[in-house]
Amino acid sequence: MGAPDVQLPGVGPEAGEEPLFDPTLLTALDWTPVKYMKNGVTSANPGQGLLVRPLCKADYDRGFLQLLAQLTKVGDISREKFEERFDTMRRCGGHYYVTVIEDLTCGKIIASATLACELKFIRDCAKRGRLEDVVVSDEYRGRQLGKLIVTTINLLAKKAGCYKLGLDCKDEMKAFYSSLGYVSEKGNDNTMIIRF
């Protein structure tokens, strides 16, 4: 089941604006327990000229891939390849929540993070969330947008029914994630990977 065809608030009606997931999920998040955000910033109230929303196909032209390139190697992704991946993720409704912050004054994607949900047999067929691809544009850092995008994903994971949300990060980022409630699990604070 994919996301419904919903027009996003603050996003134009031009073709390609279908969201990756239902944007009302973001406006329905409960920010009540969040105490560390300043000035009442939430996903519904991110600041003047900013919009927190699901990724859209048109974000190919709003600098989404260039933003990701500030985080890691992206590659040379054509519009066709981007749209194919977008459509595949959209068809997997309930599994991929790529969330972005757009600066509406210039039509540019300035922050992004992904919630990927795994279906499990353990814990009574539960869902486990993974926080991935967190990035804030170099020119927008220091404005609590990292806290905003990560907290949005945290709350979205809870709303999606994830029993836990995990992430991998560099050592220098541990303090940041700890400030948002993440902890290393006792006896399991190492991540091991194999790259192909």
C-alpha atoms as a PDB file:
ATOM      1  CA  MET A   1       0.000   0.000   0.000  1.00  0.00           C
ATOM      2  CA  GLY A   2       1.535   3.314  -1.075  1.00  0.00           C
ATOM      3  CA  ALA A   3       1.006   6.821   0.178  1.00  0.00           C
ATOM      4  CA  PRO A   4      -2.254   8.505  -0.777  1.00  0.00           C
ATOM      5  CA  ASP A   5      -2.228  11.273  -3.353  1.00  0.00           C
ATOM      6  CA  VAL A   6      -2.292  14.195  -0.947  1.00  0.00           C
ATOM      7  CA  GLN A   7      -1.269  17.742  -1.791  1.00  0.00           C
ATOM      8  CA  LEU A   8       1.344  18.938   0.640  1.00  0.00           C
ATOM      9  CA  PRO A   9       0.842  22.216   2.461  1.00  0.00           C
ATOM     10  CA  GLY A  10       3.293  24.787   1.160  1.00  0.00           C
ATOM     11  CA  VAL A  11       4.268  22.723  -1.865  1.00  0.00           C
ATOM     12  CA  GLY A  12       3.082  23.667  -5.325  1.00  0.00           C
ATOM     13  CA  PRO A  13       0.638  21.639  -7.383  1.00  0.00           C
ATOM     14  CA  GLU A  14       3.091  20.919 -10.211  1.00  0.00           C
ATOM     15  CA  ALA A  15       3.488  17.343 -11.440  1.00  0.00           C
ATOM     16  CA  GLY A  16       5.696  15.080  -9.384  1.00  0.00           C
ATOM     17  CA  GLU A  17       4.602  16.366  -5.991  1.00  0.00           C
ATOM     18  CA  GLU A  18       3.233  13.090  -4.672  1.00  0.00           C
ATOM     19  CA  PRO A  19       4.738  12.407  -1.251  1.00  0.00           C
ATOM     20  CA  LEU A  20       6.653   9.257  -0.365  1.00  0.00           C
ATOM     21  CA  PHE A  21       4.272   8.749   2.567  1.00  0.00           C
ATOM     22  CA  ASP A  22       1.160  10.375   3.994  1.00  0.00           C
ATOM     23  CA  PRO A  23       2.175  13.872   5.191  1.00  0.00           C
ATOM     24  CA  THR A  24      -0.552  13.913   7.842  1.00  0.00           C
ATOM     25  CA  LEU A  25       1.604  11.466   9.809  1.00  0.00           C
ATOM     26  CA  LEU A  26       4.013  14.345  10.436  1.00  0.00           C
ATOM     27  CA  THR A  27       1.383  16.848  11.489  1.00  0.00           C
ATOM     28  CA  ALA A  28      -0.145  14.327  13.904  1.00  0.00           C
ATOM     29  CA  LEU A  29       3.058  13.692  15.882  1.00  0.00           C
ATOM     30  CA  ASP A  30       2.872  14.257  19.644  1.00  0.00           C
ATOM     31  CA  TRP A  31       5.653  16.678  20.604  1.00  0.00           C
ATOM     32  CA  THR A  32       4.428  17.035  24.210  1.00  0.00           C
ATOM     33  CA  PRO A  33       7.226  14.957  25.800  1.00  0.00           C
ATOM     34  CA  VAL A  34       9.985  16.777  23.850  1.00  0.00           C
ATOM     35  CA  LYS A  35      11.594  19.368  26.127  1.00  0.00           C
ATOM     36  CA  TYR A  36      14.922  20.153  24.436  1.00  0.00           C
ATOM     37  CA  MET A  37      13.655  22.076  21.384  1.00  0.00           C
ATOM     38  CA  LYS A  38      13.811  25.865  21.742  1.00  0.00           C
ATOM     39  CA  ASN A  39      11.140  28.381  20.738  1.00  0.00           C
ATOM     40  CA  GLY A  40       8.383  25.807  20.295  1.00  0.00           C
ATOM     41  CA  VAL A  41       9.971  24.278  17.199  1.00  0.00           C
ATOM     42  CA  THR A  42       8.206  21.102  16.013  1.00  0.00           C
ATOM     43  CA  SER A  43       7.664  19.357  12.686  1.00  0.00           C
ATOM     44  CA  ALA A  44       4.435  21.351  12.321  1.00  0.00           C
ATOM     45  CA  ASN A  45       6.177  24.590  13.348  1.00  0.00           C
ATOM     46  CA  PRO A  46       9.780  24.328  12.092  1.00  0.00           C
ATOM     47  CA  GLY A  47      10.437  28.042  11.763  1.00  0.00           C
ATOM     48  CA  GLN A  48       9.663  30.802   9.315  1.00  0.00           C
ATOM     49  CA  GLY A  49       9.963  29.738   5.701  1.00  0.00           C
ATOM     50  CA  LEU A  50      10.645  26.083   6.540  1.00  0.00           C
ATOM     51  CA  LEU A  51       8.531  22.998   5.891  1.00  0.00           C
ATOM     52  CA  VAL A  52       9.029  19.489   7.287  1.00  0.00           C
ATOM     53  CA  ARG A  53       7.501  16.974   4.908  1.00  0.00           C
ATOM     54  CA  PRO A  54       7.921  13.647   3.140  1.00  0.00           C
ATOM     55  CA  LEU A  55      10.302  13.399   0.214  1.00  0.00           C
ATOM     56  CA  CYS A  56       8.662  14.121  -3.162  1.00  0.00           C
ATOM     57  CA  LYS A  57       9.783  13.226  -6.675  1.00  0.00           C
ATOM     58  CA  ALA A  58      10.270  16.916  -7.454  1.00  0.00           C
ATOM     59  CA  ASP A  59      12.976  17.040  -4.758  1.00  0.00           C
ATOM     60  CA  TYR A  60      15.337  15.714  -7.394  1.00  0.00           C
ATOM     61  CA  ASP A  61      15.335  19.335  -8.618  1.00  0.00           C
ATOM     62  CA  ARG A  62      15.457  20.826  -5.118  1.00  0.00           C
ATOM     63  CA  GLY A  63      18.944  19.587  -4.295  1.00  0.00           C
ATOM     64  CA  PHE A  64      18.071  16.420  -2.374  1.00  0.00           C
ATOM     65  CA  LEU A  65      20.889  14.350  -3.874  1.00  0.00           C
ATOM     66  CA  GLN A  66      23.380  17.202  -3.488  1.00  0.00           C
ATOM     67  CA  LEU A  67      22.412  17.390   0.183  1.00  0.00           C
ATOM     68  CA  LEU A  68      23.014  13.645   0.609  1.00  0.00           C
ATOM     69  CA  ALA A  69      26.426  14.133  -1.020  1.00  0.00           C
ATOM     70  CA  GLN A  70      27.399  16.228   2.024  1.00  0.00           C
ATOM     71  CA  LEU A  71      26.968  13.008   4.026  1.00  0.00           C
ATOM     72  CA  THR A  72      28.353  10.260   1.801  1.00  0.00           C
ATOM     73  CA  LYS A  73      29.012   9.108  -1.739  1.00  0.00           C
ATOM     74  CA  VAL A  74      25.814   9.328  -3.789  1.00  0.00           C
ATOM     75  CA  GLY A  75      26.874   8.551  -7.335  1.00  0.00           C
ATOM     76  CA  ASP A  76      25.560   9.856 -10.626  1.00  0.00           C
ATOM     77  CA  ILE A  77      21.820   9.259 -10.249  1.00  0.00           C
ATOM     78  CA  SER A  78      19.657  10.131 -13.232  1.00  0.00           C
ATOM     79  CA  ARG A  79      16.117  11.433 -12.803  1.00  0.00           C
ATOM     80  CA  GLU A  80      14.840   8.115 -14.152  1.00  0.00           C
ATOM     81  CA  LYS A  81      16.826   6.117 -11.594  1.00  0.00           C
ATOM     82  CA  PHE A  82      15.741   8.465  -8.779  1.00  0.00           C
ATOM     83  CA  GLU A  83      12.074   8.166  -9.729  1.00  0.00           C
ATOM     84  CA  GLU A  84      12.326   4.391 -10.058  1.00  0.00           C
ATOM     85  CA  ARG A  85      13.773   4.107  -6.544  1.00  0.00           C
ATOM     86  CA  PHE A  86      11.183   6.576  -5.207  1.00  0.00           C
ATOM     87  CA  ASP A  87       8.332   4.530  -6.726  1.00  0.00           C
ATOM     88  CA  THR A  88       9.742   1.291  -5.313  1.00  0.00           C
ATOM     89  CA  MET A  89       9.996   2.798  -1.830  1.00  0.00           C
ATOM     90  CA  ARG A  90       6.507   4.306  -2.106  1.00  0.00           C
ATOM     91  CA  ARG A  91       5.005   0.927  -3.023  1.00  0.00           C
ATOM     92  CA  CYS A  92       6.492  -0.464   0.206  1.00  0.00           C
ATOM     93  CA  GLY A  93       4.081   1.667   2.249  1.00  0.00           C
ATOM     94  CA  GLY A  94       4.916   1.683   5.937  1.00  0.00           C
ATOM     95  CA  HIS A  95       8.595   0.839   5.465  1.00  0.00           C
ATOM     96  CA  TYR A  96      10.344   3.970   4.178  1.00  0.00           C
ATOM     97  CA  TYR A  97       9.859   7.430   5.618  1.00  0.00           C
ATOM     98  CA  VAL A  98      12.354   9.791   3.991  1.00  0.00           C
ATOM     99  CA  THR A  99      11.629  13.110   5.659  1.00  0.00           C
ATOM    100  CA  VAL A 100      13.023  16.440   4.517  1.00  0.00           C
ATOM    101  CA  ILE A 101      13.111  20.053   5.584  1.00  0.00           C
ATOM    102  CA  GLU A 102      12.625  22.476   2.726  1.00  0.00           C
ATOM    103  CA  ASP A 103      13.549  26.143   2.793  1.00  0.00           C
ATOM    104  CA  LEU A 104      10.509  27.518   0.981  1.00  0.00           C
ATOM    105  CA  THR A 105      12.182  30.871   0.392  1.00  0.00           C
ATOM    106  CA  CYS A 106      14.590  29.279  -2.088  1.00  0.00           C
ATOM    107  CA  GLY A 107      12.930  25.927  -2.844  1.00  0.00           C
ATOM    108  CA  LYS A 108      15.883  23.943  -1.527  1.00  0.00           C
ATOM    109  CA  ILE A 109      16.044  20.769   0.579  1.00  0.00           C
ATOM    110  CA  ILE A 110      18.226  21.680   3.560  1.00  0.00           C
ATOM    111  CA  ALA A 111      17.922  18.644   5.841  1.00  0.00           C
ATOM    112  CA  SER A 112      16.883  15.026   5.587  1.00  0.00           C
ATOM    113  CA  ALA A 113      16.650  11.796   7.546  1.00  0.00           C
ATOM    114  CA  THR A 114      15.207   8.375   6.846  1.00  0.00           C
ATOM    115  CA  LEU A 115      13.216   5.996   9.001  1.00  0.00           C
ATOM    116  CA  ALA A 116      13.449   2.471   7.601  1.00  0.00           C
ATOM    117  CA  CYS A 117      11.134  -0.044   9.279  1.00  0.00           C
ATOM    118  CA  GLU A 118      11.999  -3.751   9.401  1.00  0.00           C
ATOM    119  CA  LEU A 119       9.281  -6.315   9.951  1.00  0.00           C
ATOM    120  CA  LYS A 120      10.258  -8.909  12.562  1.00  0.00           C
ATOM    121  CA  PHE A 121       8.992 -12.235  13.825  1.00  0.00           C
ATOM    122  CA  ILE A 122      10.342 -11.488  17.289  1.00  0.00           C
ATOM    123  CA  ARG A 123       8.381  -9.510  19.860  1.00  0.00           C
ATOM    124  CA  ASP A 124       5.047 -10.691  18.525  1.00  0.00           C
ATOM    125  CA  CYS A 125       5.837  -9.739  14.904  1.00  0.00           C
ATOM    126  CA  ALA A 126       7.059  -6.271  15.838  1.00  0.00           C
ATOM    127  CA  LYS A 127       8.662  -3.514  13.758  1.00  0.00           C
ATOM    128  CA  ARG A 128      12.179  -2.224  14.347  1.00  0.00           C
ATOM    129  CA  GLY A 129      13.201   1.182  13.079  1.00  0.00           C
ATOM    130  CA  ARG A 130      16.539   2.324  11.687  1.00  0.00           C
ATOM    131  CA  LEU A 131      17.521   5.982  11.573  1.00  0.00           C
ATOM    132  CA  GLU A 132      19.545   6.496   8.409  1.00  0.00           C
ATOM    133  CA  ASP A 133      21.039   9.220   6.229  1.00  0.00           C
ATOM    134  CA  VAL A 134      20.760  12.133   8.664  1.00  0.00           C
ATOM    135  CA  VAL A 135      22.130  15.304   7.115  1.00  0.00           C
ATOM    136  CA  VAL A 136      21.725  19.055   7.503  1.00  0.00           C
ATOM    137  CA  SER A 137      23.122  21.336   4.825  1.00  0.00           C
ATOM    138  CA  ASP A 138      26.447  22.905   5.796  1.00  0.00           C
ATOM    139  CA  GLU A 139      25.026  26.402   5.422  1.00  0.00           C
ATOM    140  CA  TYR A 140      22.087  25.699   7.768  1.00  0.00           C
ATOM    141  CA  ARG A 141      23.902  24.051  10.671  1.00  0.00           C
ATOM    142  CA  GLY A 142      23.634  25.507  14.161  1.00  0.00           C
ATOM    143  CA  ARG A 143      19.889  26.208  13.877  1.00  0.00           C
ATOM    144  CA  GLN A 144      18.676  23.051  15.714  1.00  0.00           C
ATOM    145  CA  LEU A 145      17.585  21.498  12.408  1.00  0.00           C
ATOM    146  CA  GLY A 146      19.507  18.306  13.211  1.00  0.00           C
ATOM    147  CA  LYS A 147      17.559  17.978  16.453  1.00  0.00           C
ATOM    148  CA  LEU A 148      14.350  18.743  14.583  1.00  0.00           C
ATOM    149  CA  ILE A 149      14.796  16.154  11.828  1.00  0.00           C
ATOM    150  CA  VAL A 150      16.019  13.412  14.190  1.00  0.00           C
ATOM    151  CA  THR A 151      13.264  14.061  16.729  1.00  0.00           C
ATOM    152  CA  THR A 152      10.706  14.025  13.933  1.00  0.00           C
ATOM    153  CA  ILE A 153      11.965  10.571  12.918  1.00  0.00           C
ATOM    154  CA  ASN A 154      11.975   9.421  16.562  1.00  0.00           C
ATOM    155  CA  LEU A 155       8.333  10.416  16.995  1.00  0.00           C
ATOM    156  CA  LEU A 156       7.411   8.988  13.596  1.00  0.00           C
ATOM    157  CA  ALA A 157       8.995   5.640  14.534  1.00  0.00           C
ATOM    158  CA  LYS A 158       6.948   5.545  17.719  1.00  0.00           C
ATOM    159  CA  LYS A 159       3.773   6.404  15.796  1.00  0.00           C
ATOM    160  CA  ALA A 160       4.593   3.705  13.201  1.00  0.00           C
ATOM    161  CA  GLY A 161       4.703   1.120  15.999  1.00  0.00           C
ATOM    162  CA  CYS A 162       8.442   0.464  16.140  1.00  0.00           C
ATOM    163  CA  TYR A 163       9.524  -1.162  19.394  1.00  0.00           C
ATOM    164  CA  LYS A 164      12.963   0.442  19.060  1.00  0.00           C
ATOM    165  CA  LEU A 165      14.897   2.765  16.800  1.00  0.00           C
ATOM    166  CA  GLY A 166      18.591   2.244  16.169  1.00  0.00           C
ATOM    167  CA  LEU A 167      21.341   4.049  14.324  1.00  0.00           C
ATOM    168  CA  ASP A 168      25.003   3.865  13.448  1.00  0.00           C
ATOM    169  CA  CYS A 169      27.085   6.989  13.933  1.00  0.00           C
ATOM    170  CA  LYS A 170      30.647   8.190  14.094  1.00  0.00           C
ATOM    171  CA  ASP A 171      32.200   8.564  17.533  1.00  0.00           C
ATOM    172  CA  GLU A 172      32.081  12.360  17.316  1.00  0.00           C
ATOM    173  CA  MET A 173      28.280  12.219  16.868  1.00  0.00           C
ATOM    174  CA  LYS A 174      27.562  10.100  19.971  1.00  0.00           C
ATOM    175  CA  ALA A 175      27.082  13.142  22.232  1.00  0.00           C
ATOM    176  CA  PHE A 176      24.556  14.641  19.807  1.00  0.00           C
ATOM    177  CA  TYR A 177      22.472  11.469  19.638  1.00  0.00           C
ATOM    178  CA  SER A 178      22.786  10.936  23.399  1.00  0.00           C
ATOM    179  CA  SER A 179      21.298  14.408  23.916  1.00  0.00           C
ATOM    180  CA  LEU A 180      18.239  13.178  22.005  1.00  0.00           C
ATOM    181  CA  GLY A 181      17.764  10.072  24.147  1.00  0.00           C
ATOM    182  CA  TYR A 182      19.852   7.466  22.325  1.00  0.00           C
ATOM    183  CA  VAL A 183      21.979   5.127  24.435  1.00  0.00           C
ATOM    184  CA  SER A 184      24.491   2.407  23.679  1.00  0.00           C
ATOM    185  CA  GLU A 185      23.069  -0.936  24.722  1.00  0.00           C
ATOM    186  CA  LYS A 186      25.090  -2.595  27.454  1.00  0.00           C
ATOM    187  CA  GLY A 187      27.268  -5.304  25.963  1.00  0.00           C
ATOM    188  CA  ASN A 188      26.210  -4.308  22.448  1.00  0.00           C
ATOM    189  CA  ASP A 189      27.728  -0.930  21.681  1.00  0.00           C
ATOM    190  CA  ASN A 190      29.681  -2.091  18.658  1.00  0.00           C
ATOM    191  CA  THR A 191      28.361  -2.088  15.152  1.00  0.00           C
ATOM    192  CA  MET A 192      29.917  -4.472  12.673  1.00  0.00           C
ATOM    193  CA  ILE A 193      29.373  -4.307   8.944  1.00  0.00           C
ATOM    194  CA  ILE A 194      30.611  -5.841   5.747  1.00  0.00           C
ATOM    195  CA  ARG A 195      30.708  -3.600   2.686  1.00  0.00           C
ATOM    196  CA  PHE A 196      30.319  -4.843  -0.854  1.00  0.00           C
END
